[in-house]
């Protein structure tokens, strides 16, 4: 037996898992899955109770990306049939925030394709963020690609609370996924974001032909980065991308990955992200025992679960939406 409950209390007492112990989580037999999830929930409940944070994506620029990321329908090497458009205007970005607020979504995620933002794109996003903060006071997360220090400071001044820049995979596996930027390029952006005083968000995509050792390395890389929020994506292989047809995951393994992330990063927001619907399938509710955050609505180029189904799932679990009403709303 894994003695997972005992390990959970050791983590709450300050123990830091070794890579060997983390690997044991991924290799644990399915017969121990419920015990493992209960142990992960002990840690999750200690820091977050039964609250769930909701996040909503606004794809403000689609496609037209020079990068060659193998998983992405928006990349230069993708033949996927997706909608392509340049940066939306300020009003459209703000309208997306209004919808998020009405849904009791606490974090509004402004996401744009591309290597990094142009000056015009940065100006549009910062102007929109200023109005969003004034009208709705939502937590705003931006995901605009590679940043320099000056760009990070401008986003901070505009009111951006969090910046997402996923490591996506392990350093060892990185070149098998993309060669148009390096693992270190991502780390440099992360440093600029932290230096600017923006909360760092970084996560992974599991199921891209990596090994279990790679997944463990991802968890420990995020621990070393001290990412405040960790989105865990499970590959939704899109037709027309190099990873088309890849299908290495099952719901039980996905749950073990979420438990791993909670054990290695006990105090952090663990967010079930893209691909949960097609990979966790009927076991989606169990994912919220290790994780404390989800996306609602659609993702960048793929559909999410019906929002009403997500809210029903949360009610059935007895979980509470972590949402703070705006005290003075000018909307």
C-alpha atoms as a PDB file:
ATOM      1  CA  UNK A   1       0.000   0.000   0.000  1.00  0.00           C
ATOM      2  CA  UNK A   2       1.096   3.552  -0.662  1.00  0.00           C
ATOM      3  CA  UNK A   3       0.304   5.001   2.801  1.00  0.00           C
ATOM      4  CA  UNK A   4      -0.848   8.117   0.942  1.00  0.00           C
ATOM      5  CA  UNK A   5      -2.731   9.610   3.872  1.00  0.00           C
ATOM      6  CA  UNK A   6       0.346   9.425   6.056  1.00  0.00           C
ATOM      7  CA  UNK A   7       2.384  11.069   3.285  1.00  0.00           C
ATOM      8  CA  UNK A   8      -0.183  13.871   3.002  1.00  0.00           C
ATOM      9  CA  UNK A   9       0.131  14.746   6.687  1.00  0.00           C
ATOM     10  CA  UNK A  10       3.912  14.679   6.344  1.00  0.00           C
ATOM     11  CA  UNK A  11       3.628  17.199   3.502  1.00  0.00           C
ATOM     12  CA  UNK A  12       1.439  19.421   5.686  1.00  0.00           C
ATOM     13  CA  UNK A  13       4.145  19.203   8.339  1.00  0.00           C
ATOM     14  CA  UNK A  14       6.711  20.568   5.910  1.00  0.00           C
ATOM     15  CA  UNK A  15       8.020  17.494   4.129  1.00  0.00           C
ATOM     16  CA  UNK A  16       9.112  18.019   0.536  1.00  0.00           C
ATOM     17  CA  UNK A  17       8.674  15.029  -1.697  1.00  0.00           C
ATOM     18  CA  UNK A  18      11.663  13.446  -3.362  1.00  0.00           C
ATOM     19  CA  UNK A  19      11.500  12.664  -7.057  1.00  0.00           C
ATOM     20  CA  UNK A  20      11.381   8.998  -6.170  1.00  0.00           C
ATOM     21  CA  UNK A  21       8.279   9.517  -4.010  1.00  0.00           C
ATOM     22  CA  UNK A  22       6.695  11.643  -6.735  1.00  0.00           C
ATOM     23  CA  UNK A  23       7.340   8.951  -9.327  1.00  0.00           C
ATOM     24  CA  UNK A  24       5.682   6.439  -7.025  1.00  0.00           C
ATOM     25  CA  UNK A  25       2.457   8.470  -7.247  1.00  0.00           C
ATOM     26  CA  UNK A  26       2.362   8.155 -11.029  1.00  0.00           C
ATOM     27  CA  UNK A  27       3.178   4.441 -10.836  1.00  0.00           C
ATOM     28  CA  UNK A  28       0.639   3.689  -8.126  1.00  0.00           C
ATOM     29  CA  UNK A  29      -1.870   0.917  -8.909  1.00  0.00           C
ATOM     30  CA  UNK A  30      -5.396   1.905  -9.849  1.00  0.00           C
ATOM     31  CA  UNK A  31      -6.648   0.016  -6.785  1.00  0.00           C
ATOM     32  CA  UNK A  32      -5.111   2.780  -4.649  1.00  0.00           C
ATOM     33  CA  UNK A  33      -6.559   5.673  -6.656  1.00  0.00           C
ATOM     34  CA  UNK A  34      -9.324   6.630  -4.229  1.00  0.00           C
ATOM     35  CA  UNK A  35      -6.904   6.499  -1.303  1.00  0.00           C
ATOM     36  CA  UNK A  36      -4.466   8.699  -3.252  1.00  0.00           C
ATOM     37  CA  UNK A  37      -7.178  11.218  -4.122  1.00  0.00           C
ATOM     38  CA  UNK A  38      -8.334  11.360  -0.515  1.00  0.00           C
ATOM     39  CA  UNK A  39      -4.773  12.070   0.579  1.00  0.00           C
ATOM     40  CA  UNK A  40      -4.401  14.822  -2.038  1.00  0.00           C
ATOM     41  CA  UNK A  41      -7.719  16.261  -0.840  1.00  0.00           C
ATOM     42  CA  UNK A  42      -6.396  16.476   2.722  1.00  0.00           C
ATOM     43  CA  UNK A  43      -3.678  18.821   1.450  1.00  0.00           C
ATOM     44  CA  UNK A  44      -6.023  20.718  -0.846  1.00  0.00           C
ATOM     45  CA  UNK A  45      -8.634  21.213   1.898  1.00  0.00           C
ATOM     46  CA  UNK A  46      -6.023  22.449   4.345  1.00  0.00           C
ATOM     47  CA  UNK A  47      -5.121  25.373   2.070  1.00  0.00           C
ATOM     48  CA  UNK A  48      -8.312  25.967   0.089  1.00  0.00           C
ATOM     49  CA  UNK A  49     -11.205  24.312   1.912  1.00  0.00           C
ATOM     50  CA  UNK A  50     -14.024  23.413  -0.472  1.00  0.00           C
ATOM     51  CA  UNK A  51     -13.648  26.540  -2.591  1.00  0.00           C
ATOM     52  CA  UNK A  52     -13.093  26.386  -6.337  1.00  0.00           C
ATOM     53  CA  UNK A  53     -11.634  29.220  -8.381  1.00  0.00           C
ATOM     54  CA  UNK A  54     -13.173  29.792 -11.802  1.00  0.00           C
ATOM     55  CA  UNK A  55     -11.222  31.065 -14.784  1.00  0.00           C
ATOM     56  CA  UNK A  56     -12.424  32.084 -18.231  1.00  0.00           C
ATOM     57  CA  UNK A  57     -10.354  32.510 -21.409  1.00  0.00           C
ATOM     58  CA  UNK A  58     -10.790  35.235 -24.005  1.00  0.00           C
ATOM     59  CA  UNK A  59      -8.868  34.405 -27.182  1.00  0.00           C
ATOM     60  CA  UNK A  60      -8.066  37.950 -28.274  1.00  0.00           C
ATOM     61  CA  UNK A  61      -5.844  36.980 -31.230  1.00  0.00           C
ATOM     62  CA  UNK A  62      -6.145  33.658 -33.017  1.00  0.00           C
ATOM     63  CA  UNK A  63      -3.653  31.907 -35.274  1.00  0.00           C
ATOM     64  CA  UNK A  64      -1.092  33.892 -37.285  1.00  0.00           C
ATOM     65  CA  UNK A  65       1.670  32.536 -35.049  1.00  0.00           C
ATOM     66  CA  UNK A  66       5.273  32.008 -36.218  1.00  0.00           C
ATOM     67  CA  UNK A  67       6.060  29.405 -33.544  1.00  0.00           C
ATOM     68  CA  UNK A  68       6.214  25.677 -34.340  1.00  0.00           C
ATOM     69  CA  UNK A  69       4.657  24.133 -31.214  1.00  0.00           C
ATOM     70  CA  UNK A  70       3.546  20.616 -32.118  1.00  0.00           C
ATOM     71  CA  UNK A  71       0.414  20.608 -29.966  1.00  0.00           C
ATOM     72  CA  UNK A  72      -1.004  23.947 -31.098  1.00  0.00           C
ATOM     73  CA  UNK A  73      -3.638  24.487 -33.790  1.00  0.00           C
ATOM     74  CA  UNK A  74      -2.479  28.101 -34.096  1.00  0.00           C
ATOM     75  CA  UNK A  75       1.168  27.371 -34.886  1.00  0.00           C
ATOM     76  CA  UNK A  76       2.932  27.960 -38.205  1.00  0.00           C
ATOM     77  CA  UNK A  77       3.136  24.209 -38.868  1.00  0.00           C
ATOM     78  CA  UNK A  78      -0.515  23.470 -38.161  1.00  0.00           C
ATOM     79  CA  UNK A  79      -3.043  22.668 -40.875  1.00  0.00           C
ATOM     80  CA  UNK A  80      -5.943  22.717 -38.418  1.00  0.00           C
ATOM     81  CA  UNK A  81      -9.068  24.511 -39.526  1.00  0.00           C
ATOM     82  CA  UNK A  82      -9.449  27.299 -36.996  1.00  0.00           C
ATOM     83  CA  UNK A  83     -10.723  30.843 -37.021  1.00  0.00           C
ATOM     84  CA  UNK A  84      -7.885  33.328 -37.514  1.00  0.00           C
ATOM     85  CA  UNK A  85      -8.005  37.001 -36.609  1.00  0.00           C
ATOM     86  CA  UNK A  86      -5.764  39.840 -35.460  1.00  0.00           C
ATOM     87  CA  UNK A  87      -5.983  41.478 -32.027  1.00  0.00           C
ATOM     88  CA  UNK A  88      -9.548  42.279 -30.974  1.00  0.00           C
ATOM     89  CA  UNK A  89     -10.371  45.850 -30.069  1.00  0.00           C
ATOM     90  CA  UNK A  90     -10.573  47.158 -26.532  1.00  0.00           C
ATOM     91  CA  UNK A  91     -14.377  47.058 -26.400  1.00  0.00           C
ATOM     92  CA  UNK A  92     -14.498  43.351 -27.319  1.00  0.00           C
ATOM     93  CA  UNK A  93     -11.957  42.446 -24.644  1.00  0.00           C
ATOM     94  CA  UNK A  94     -13.880  44.410 -22.012  1.00  0.00           C
ATOM     95  CA  UNK A  95     -17.158  42.799 -23.084  1.00  0.00           C
ATOM     96  CA  UNK A  96     -15.603  39.396 -22.466  1.00  0.00           C
ATOM     97  CA  UNK A  97     -14.761  40.493 -18.933  1.00  0.00           C
ATOM     98  CA  UNK A  98     -18.356  41.575 -18.372  1.00  0.00           C
ATOM     99  CA  UNK A  99     -19.570  38.088 -19.312  1.00  0.00           C
ATOM    100  CA  UNK A 100     -16.997  36.528 -16.990  1.00  0.00           C
ATOM    101  CA  UNK A 101     -18.145  38.756 -14.125  1.00  0.00           C
ATOM    102  CA  UNK A 102     -21.789  37.834 -14.696  1.00  0.00           C
ATOM    103  CA  UNK A 103     -20.820  34.145 -14.469  1.00  0.00           C
ATOM    104  CA  UNK A 104     -19.049  34.700 -11.130  1.00  0.00           C
ATOM    105  CA  UNK A 105     -15.700  33.927 -12.728  1.00  0.00           C
ATOM    106  CA  UNK A 106     -12.943  35.373 -10.574  1.00  0.00           C
ATOM    107  CA  UNK A 107     -10.074  35.324 -13.076  1.00  0.00           C
ATOM    108  CA  UNK A 108     -10.361  36.636 -16.631  1.00  0.00           C
ATOM    109  CA  UNK A 109      -7.617  35.342 -18.911  1.00  0.00           C
ATOM    110  CA  UNK A 110      -6.603  37.475 -21.910  1.00  0.00           C
ATOM    111  CA  UNK A 111      -4.756  35.188 -24.308  1.00  0.00           C
ATOM    112  CA  UNK A 112      -3.124  36.072 -27.637  1.00  0.00           C
ATOM    113  CA  UNK A 113      -1.278  33.882 -30.112  1.00  0.00           C
ATOM    114  CA  UNK A 114       2.190  34.811 -31.320  1.00  0.00           C
ATOM    115  CA  UNK A 115       5.767  34.870 -30.125  1.00  0.00           C
ATOM    116  CA  UNK A 116       5.173  38.057 -28.167  1.00  0.00           C
ATOM    117  CA  UNK A 117       3.063  41.230 -28.305  1.00  0.00           C
ATOM    118  CA  UNK A 118       3.695  44.134 -30.674  1.00  0.00           C
ATOM    119  CA  UNK A 119       3.534  47.637 -29.238  1.00  0.00           C
ATOM    120  CA  UNK A 120       0.032  48.122 -30.682  1.00  0.00           C
ATOM    121  CA  UNK A 121      -1.164  44.843 -29.208  1.00  0.00           C
ATOM    122  CA  UNK A 122       0.327  45.693 -25.835  1.00  0.00           C
ATOM    123  CA  UNK A 123      -1.373  49.105 -25.890  1.00  0.00           C
ATOM    124  CA  UNK A 124      -4.735  47.518 -26.685  1.00  0.00           C
ATOM    125  CA  UNK A 125      -4.438  44.994 -23.866  1.00  0.00           C
ATOM    126  CA  UNK A 126      -3.276  47.519 -21.264  1.00  0.00           C
ATOM    127  CA  UNK A 127      -6.098  49.924 -22.142  1.00  0.00           C
ATOM    128  CA  UNK A 128      -8.635  47.115 -21.844  1.00  0.00           C
ATOM    129  CA  UNK A 129      -7.195  45.936 -18.524  1.00  0.00           C
ATOM    130  CA  UNK A 130      -7.447  49.422 -17.028  1.00  0.00           C
ATOM    131  CA  UNK A 131     -11.154  49.559 -17.831  1.00  0.00           C
ATOM    132  CA  UNK A 132     -11.775  45.995 -16.656  1.00  0.00           C
ATOM    133  CA  UNK A 133     -10.185  46.698 -13.278  1.00  0.00           C
ATOM    134  CA  UNK A 134     -12.219  49.876 -12.902  1.00  0.00           C
ATOM    135  CA  UNK A 135     -15.567  48.343 -13.846  1.00  0.00           C
ATOM    136  CA  UNK A 136     -15.384  44.778 -12.572  1.00  0.00           C
ATOM    137  CA  UNK A 137     -12.299  44.442 -10.374  1.00  0.00           C
ATOM    138  CA  UNK A 138     -11.694  40.933 -11.693  1.00  0.00           C
ATOM    139  CA  UNK A 139      -8.361  39.226 -11.339  1.00  0.00           C
ATOM    140  CA  UNK A 140      -6.793  39.641 -14.775  1.00  0.00           C
ATOM    141  CA  UNK A 141      -4.358  37.115 -16.177  1.00  0.00           C
ATOM    142  CA  UNK A 142      -2.548  37.900 -19.430  1.00  0.00           C
ATOM    143  CA  UNK A 143      -0.909  35.359 -21.715  1.00  0.00           C
ATOM    144  CA  UNK A 144       0.806  37.146 -24.588  1.00  0.00           C
ATOM    145  CA  UNK A 145       3.937  35.101 -25.181  1.00  0.00           C
ATOM    146  CA  UNK A 146       7.539  36.079 -24.573  1.00  0.00           C
ATOM    147  CA  UNK A 147       8.009  39.392 -22.740  1.00  0.00           C
ATOM    148  CA  UNK A 148      10.910  41.704 -22.030  1.00  0.00           C
ATOM    149  CA  UNK A 149      11.257  43.538 -18.729  1.00  0.00           C
ATOM    150  CA  UNK A 150       9.734  46.785 -20.040  1.00  0.00           C
ATOM    151  CA  UNK A 151       6.642  45.022 -21.357  1.00  0.00           C
ATOM    152  CA  UNK A 152       6.157  43.205 -18.067  1.00  0.00           C
ATOM    153  CA  UNK A 153       6.296  46.497 -16.163  1.00  0.00           C
ATOM    154  CA  UNK A 154       3.704  48.071 -18.478  1.00  0.00           C
ATOM    155  CA  UNK A 155       1.319  45.201 -17.861  1.00  0.00           C
ATOM    156  CA  UNK A 156       1.813  45.566 -14.120  1.00  0.00           C
ATOM    157  CA  UNK A 157       1.137  49.305 -14.278  1.00  0.00           C
ATOM    158  CA  UNK A 158      -2.075  48.663 -16.216  1.00  0.00           C
ATOM    159  CA  UNK A 159      -3.354  46.361 -13.482  1.00  0.00           C
ATOM    160  CA  UNK A 160      -2.516  42.852 -14.714  1.00  0.00           C
ATOM    161  CA  UNK A 161      -2.507  40.603 -11.663  1.00  0.00           C
ATOM    162  CA  UNK A 162      -1.146  37.403 -13.167  1.00  0.00           C
ATOM    163  CA  UNK A 163       0.841  36.364 -16.215  1.00  0.00           C
ATOM    164  CA  UNK A 164       0.652  32.905 -17.727  1.00  0.00           C
ATOM    165  CA  UNK A 165       3.641  31.449 -19.518  1.00  0.00           C
ATOM    166  CA  UNK A 166       3.572  27.658 -19.443  1.00  0.00           C
ATOM    167  CA  UNK A 167       6.711  25.569 -19.464  1.00  0.00           C
ATOM    168  CA  UNK A 168       4.450  23.013 -21.204  1.00  0.00           C
ATOM    169  CA  UNK A 169       6.830  20.082 -20.843  1.00  0.00           C
ATOM    170  CA  UNK A 170      10.126  19.095 -19.248  1.00  0.00           C
ATOM    171  CA  UNK A 171      13.390  20.721 -20.260  1.00  0.00           C
ATOM    172  CA  UNK A 172      14.596  17.378 -21.622  1.00  0.00           C
ATOM    173  CA  UNK A 173      11.496  16.884 -23.785  1.00  0.00           C
ATOM    174  CA  UNK A 174      11.175  20.518 -24.899  1.00  0.00           C
ATOM    175  CA  UNK A 175      12.967  20.224 -28.242  1.00  0.00           C
ATOM    176  CA  UNK A 176      10.645  17.367 -29.244  1.00  0.00           C
ATOM    177  CA  UNK A 177       7.699  19.771 -28.916  1.00  0.00           C
ATOM    178  CA  UNK A 178       9.085  23.029 -30.303  1.00  0.00           C
ATOM    179  CA  UNK A 179      12.359  24.407 -31.659  1.00  0.00           C
ATOM    180  CA  UNK A 180      11.301  28.005 -32.369  1.00  0.00           C
ATOM    181  CA  UNK A 181      12.058  29.002 -28.792  1.00  0.00           C
ATOM    182  CA  UNK A 182      14.015  27.395 -25.984  1.00  0.00           C
ATOM    183  CA  UNK A 183      13.102  26.292 -22.485  1.00  0.00           C
ATOM    184  CA  UNK A 184      15.311  29.110 -21.225  1.00  0.00           C
ATOM    185  CA  UNK A 185      13.303  31.650 -23.265  1.00  0.00           C
ATOM    186  CA  UNK A 186      10.302  30.715 -21.175  1.00  0.00           C
ATOM    187  CA  UNK A 187      12.254  30.973 -17.939  1.00  0.00           C
ATOM    188  CA  UNK A 188      13.495  34.462 -18.875  1.00  0.00           C
ATOM    189  CA  UNK A 189       9.929  35.692 -19.382  1.00  0.00           C
ATOM    190  CA  UNK A 190       9.001  34.160 -16.058  1.00  0.00           C
ATOM    191  CA  UNK A 191      11.785  36.121 -14.364  1.00  0.00           C
ATOM    192  CA  UNK A 192      10.673  39.401 -15.971  1.00  0.00           C
ATOM    193  CA  UNK A 193       7.120  38.794 -14.771  1.00  0.00           C
ATOM    194  CA  UNK A 194       8.192  38.088 -11.198  1.00  0.00           C
ATOM    195  CA  UNK A 195      10.527  41.091 -11.179  1.00  0.00           C
ATOM    196  CA  UNK A 196       7.641  43.325 -12.269  1.00  0.00           C
ATOM    197  CA  UNK A 197       5.592  42.137  -9.299  1.00  0.00           C
ATOM    198  CA  UNK A 198       3.062  40.144 -11.300  1.00  0.00           C
ATOM    199  CA  UNK A 199       1.875  36.813  -9.917  1.00  0.00           C
ATOM    200  CA  UNK A 200       3.447  34.066 -12.038  1.00  0.00           C
ATOM    201  CA  UNK A 201       1.310  31.359 -13.597  1.00  0.00           C
ATOM    202  CA  UNK A 202       2.924  28.429 -15.368  1.00  0.00           C
ATOM    203  CA  UNK A 203       1.774  24.960 -16.177  1.00  0.00           C
ATOM    204  CA  UNK A 204       2.094  21.917 -18.366  1.00  0.00           C
ATOM    205  CA  UNK A 205       0.525  19.817 -21.096  1.00  0.00           C
ATOM    206  CA  UNK A 206       0.512  16.119 -20.298  1.00  0.00           C
ATOM    207  CA  UNK A 207       0.167  13.461 -22.975  1.00  0.00           C
ATOM    208  CA  UNK A 208       2.679  14.707 -25.563  1.00  0.00           C
ATOM    209  CA  UNK A 209       4.675  11.457 -25.718  1.00  0.00           C
ATOM    210  CA  UNK A 210       6.704  12.367 -22.641  1.00  0.00           C
ATOM    211  CA  UNK A 211       7.777   9.827 -20.021  1.00  0.00           C
ATOM    212  CA  UNK A 212       6.596   9.632 -16.427  1.00  0.00           C
ATOM    213  CA  UNK A 213      10.043  10.922 -15.450  1.00  0.00           C
ATOM    214  CA  UNK A 214       9.339  13.987 -17.616  1.00  0.00           C
ATOM    215  CA  UNK A 215       6.070  14.602 -15.774  1.00  0.00           C
ATOM    216  CA  UNK A 216       7.860  14.429 -12.433  1.00  0.00           C
ATOM    217  CA  UNK A 217      10.483  16.859 -13.742  1.00  0.00           C
ATOM    218  CA  UNK A 218       7.693  19.248 -14.799  1.00  0.00           C
ATOM    219  CA  UNK A 219       6.242  19.237 -11.275  1.00  0.00           C
ATOM    220  CA  UNK A 220       9.630  19.981  -9.726  1.00  0.00           C
ATOM    221  CA  UNK A 221      10.458  22.671 -12.317  1.00  0.00           C
ATOM    222  CA  UNK A 222       7.241  24.468 -11.370  1.00  0.00           C
ATOM    223  CA  UNK A 223       8.148  24.108  -7.707  1.00  0.00           C
ATOM    224  CA  UNK A 224      11.562  25.679  -8.398  1.00  0.00           C
ATOM    225  CA  UNK A 225       9.900  28.522 -10.327  1.00  0.00           C
ATOM    226  CA  UNK A 226       7.519  29.111  -7.393  1.00  0.00           C
ATOM    227  CA  UNK A 227       4.567  29.492  -9.753  1.00  0.00           C
ATOM    228  CA  UNK A 228       1.493  30.717  -7.854  1.00  0.00           C
ATOM    229  CA  UNK A 229      -0.930  29.054 -10.247  1.00  0.00           C
ATOM    230  CA  UNK A 230      -0.342  25.792 -12.101  1.00  0.00           C
ATOM    231  CA  UNK A 231      -2.670  24.972 -15.001  1.00  0.00           C
ATOM    232  CA  UNK A 232      -2.544  21.287 -15.863  1.00  0.00           C
ATOM    233  CA  UNK A 233      -3.578  20.643 -19.458  1.00  0.00           C
ATOM    234  CA  UNK A 234      -4.167  17.182 -20.895  1.00  0.00           C
ATOM    235  CA  UNK A 235      -3.448  16.946 -24.599  1.00  0.00           C
ATOM    236  CA  UNK A 236      -6.488  17.314 -26.816  1.00  0.00           C
ATOM    237  CA  UNK A 237      -4.844  16.173 -30.027  1.00  0.00           C
ATOM    238  CA  UNK A 238      -6.170  18.375 -32.820  1.00  0.00           C
ATOM    239  CA  UNK A 239      -6.393  17.210 -36.427  1.00  0.00           C
ATOM    240  CA  UNK A 240      -3.863  19.049 -38.552  1.00  0.00           C
ATOM    241  CA  UNK A 241      -1.214  19.328 -35.840  1.00  0.00           C
ATOM    242  CA  UNK A 242       1.914  17.125 -35.626  1.00  0.00           C
ATOM    243  CA  UNK A 243       0.476  15.421 -32.532  1.00  0.00           C
ATOM    244  CA  UNK A 244      -2.719  14.501 -34.345  1.00  0.00           C
ATOM    245  CA  UNK A 245      -3.912  11.035 -33.305  1.00  0.00           C
ATOM    246  CA  UNK A 246      -1.862  10.952 -30.090  1.00  0.00           C
ATOM    247  CA  UNK A 247      -3.902   9.207 -27.415  1.00  0.00           C
ATOM    248  CA  UNK A 248      -1.714   8.153 -24.501  1.00  0.00           C
ATOM    249  CA  UNK A 249      -3.889   9.164 -21.545  1.00  0.00           C
ATOM    250  CA  UNK A 250      -6.649   7.606 -19.510  1.00  0.00           C
ATOM    251  CA  UNK A 251      -8.745   9.248 -16.772  1.00  0.00           C
ATOM    252  CA  UNK A 252      -7.063   7.384 -13.919  1.00  0.00           C
ATOM    253  CA  UNK A 253      -3.574   8.472 -14.962  1.00  0.00           C
ATOM    254  CA  UNK A 254      -4.765  12.065 -15.342  1.00  0.00           C
ATOM    255  CA  UNK A 255      -6.038  11.996 -11.761  1.00  0.00           C
ATOM    256  CA  UNK A 256      -2.655  10.696 -10.584  1.00  0.00           C
ATOM    257  CA  UNK A 257      -0.966  13.603 -12.384  1.00  0.00           C
ATOM    258  CA  UNK A 258      -3.217  16.074 -10.544  1.00  0.00           C
ATOM    259  CA  UNK A 259      -2.432  14.364  -7.237  1.00  0.00           C
ATOM    260  CA  UNK A 260       1.277  14.555  -8.045  1.00  0.00           C
ATOM    261  CA  UNK A 261       1.030  18.301  -8.658  1.00  0.00           C
ATOM    262  CA  UNK A 262      -0.769  18.791  -5.332  1.00  0.00           C
ATOM    263  CA  UNK A 263       1.774  16.761  -3.359  1.00  0.00           C
ATOM    264  CA  UNK A 264       4.784  18.516  -4.941  1.00  0.00           C
ATOM    265  CA  UNK A 265       3.223  22.011  -4.888  1.00  0.00           C
ATOM    266  CA  UNK A 266       0.909  21.787  -1.866  1.00  0.00           C
ATOM    267  CA  UNK A 267       0.147  25.491  -1.363  1.00  0.00           C
ATOM    268  CA  UNK A 268      -0.389  26.426  -5.004  1.00  0.00           C
ATOM    269  CA  UNK A 269      -3.500  26.845  -7.109  1.00  0.00           C
ATOM    270  CA  UNK A 270      -3.759  23.679  -9.192  1.00  0.00           C
ATOM    271  CA  UNK A 271      -6.052  24.278 -12.164  1.00  0.00           C
ATOM    272  CA  UNK A 272      -7.604  21.587 -14.341  1.00  0.00           C
ATOM    273  CA  UNK A 273      -7.294  23.124 -17.785  1.00  0.00           C
ATOM    274  CA  UNK A 274      -7.551  22.230 -21.464  1.00  0.00           C
ATOM    275  CA  UNK A 275      -8.443  18.694 -22.408  1.00  0.00           C
ATOM    276  CA  UNK A 276     -10.169  17.760 -19.164  1.00  0.00           C
ATOM    277  CA  UNK A 277     -13.407  16.942 -20.952  1.00  0.00           C
ATOM    278  CA  UNK A 278     -11.866  14.476 -23.423  1.00  0.00           C
ATOM    279  CA  UNK A 279      -9.323  12.941 -21.031  1.00  0.00           C
ATOM    280  CA  UNK A 280     -10.959  12.866 -17.587  1.00  0.00           C
ATOM    281  CA  UNK A 281     -14.355  12.241 -19.172  1.00  0.00           C
ATOM    282  CA  UNK A 282     -16.817  10.879 -16.585  1.00  0.00           C
ATOM    283  CA  UNK A 283     -14.212  11.219 -13.816  1.00  0.00           C
ATOM    284  CA  UNK A 284     -13.999  15.017 -14.114  1.00  0.00           C
ATOM    285  CA  UNK A 285     -15.544  15.638 -10.652  1.00  0.00           C
ATOM    286  CA  UNK A 286     -12.805  13.567  -8.982  1.00  0.00           C
ATOM    287  CA  UNK A 287     -10.207  15.978 -10.375  1.00  0.00           C
ATOM    288  CA  UNK A 288     -11.386  18.642  -7.954  1.00  0.00           C
ATOM    289  CA  UNK A 289     -10.216  16.645  -4.961  1.00  0.00           C
ATOM    290  CA  UNK A 290      -6.546  17.419  -5.726  1.00  0.00           C
ATOM    291  CA  UNK A 291      -7.213  20.558  -7.825  1.00  0.00           C
ATOM    292  CA  UNK A 292      -8.943  23.727  -6.646  1.00  0.00           C
ATOM    293  CA  UNK A 293      -9.454  25.606  -9.895  1.00  0.00           C
ATOM    294  CA  UNK A 294     -10.954  25.051 -13.362  1.00  0.00           C
ATOM    295  CA  UNK A 295     -11.617  26.860 -16.611  1.00  0.00           C
ATOM    296  CA  UNK A 296     -15.248  27.319 -17.565  1.00  0.00           C
ATOM    297  CA  UNK A 297     -16.413  27.819 -21.119  1.00  0.00           C
ATOM    298  CA  UNK A 298     -14.390  27.245 -24.255  1.00  0.00           C
ATOM    299  CA  UNK A 299     -10.614  27.151 -24.626  1.00  0.00           C
ATOM    300  CA  UNK A 300      -8.525  28.748 -27.362  1.00  0.00           C
ATOM    301  CA  UNK A 301      -9.502  26.597 -30.348  1.00  0.00           C
ATOM    302  CA  UNK A 302     -11.469  23.759 -28.715  1.00  0.00           C
ATOM    303  CA  UNK A 303     -14.862  23.630 -27.048  1.00  0.00           C
ATOM    304  CA  UNK A 304     -15.208  23.245 -23.319  1.00  0.00           C
ATOM    305  CA  UNK A 305     -17.954  21.548 -21.356  1.00  0.00           C
ATOM    306  CA  UNK A 306     -21.317  23.323 -21.151  1.00  0.00           C
ATOM    307  CA  UNK A 307     -21.040  25.962 -18.451  1.00  0.00           C
ATOM    308  CA  UNK A 308     -24.291  24.836 -16.821  1.00  0.00           C
ATOM    309  CA  UNK A 309     -22.816  21.333 -16.476  1.00  0.00           C
ATOM    310  CA  UNK A 310     -19.731  22.737 -14.742  1.00  0.00           C
ATOM    311  CA  UNK A 311     -21.844  24.657 -12.240  1.00  0.00           C
ATOM    312  CA  UNK A 312     -23.994  21.585 -11.611  1.00  0.00           C
ATOM    313  CA  UNK A 313     -20.840  19.532 -11.036  1.00  0.00           C
ATOM    314  CA  UNK A 314     -19.646  22.016  -8.410  1.00  0.00           C
ATOM    315  CA  UNK A 315     -23.020  22.015  -6.650  1.00  0.00           C
ATOM    316  CA  UNK A 316     -23.184  18.224  -6.647  1.00  0.00           C
ATOM    317  CA  UNK A 317     -19.707  18.074  -5.097  1.00  0.00           C
ATOM    318  CA  UNK A 318     -20.768  20.528  -2.384  1.00  0.00           C
ATOM    319  CA  UNK A 319     -18.027  22.941  -3.421  1.00  0.00           C
ATOM    320  CA  UNK A 320     -18.264  26.722  -3.227  1.00  0.00           C
ATOM    321  CA  UNK A 321     -17.282  29.165  -5.961  1.00  0.00           C
ATOM    322  CA  UNK A 322     -14.469  31.440  -4.783  1.00  0.00           C
ATOM    323  CA  UNK A 323     -15.816  34.777  -6.021  1.00  0.00           C
ATOM    324  CA  UNK A 324     -15.620  38.201  -4.410  1.00  0.00           C
ATOM    325  CA  UNK A 325     -18.317  40.666  -5.430  1.00  0.00           C
ATOM    326  CA  UNK A 326     -17.188  44.100  -6.587  1.00  0.00           C
ATOM    327  CA  UNK A 327     -18.053  46.633  -3.906  1.00  0.00           C
ATOM    328  CA  UNK A 328     -18.535  49.576  -6.252  1.00  0.00           C
ATOM    329  CA  UNK A 329     -19.479  48.408  -9.689  1.00  0.00           C
ATOM    330  CA  UNK A 330     -19.791  50.956 -12.467  1.00  0.00           C
ATOM    331  CA  UNK A 331     -20.878  48.451 -15.111  1.00  0.00           C
END
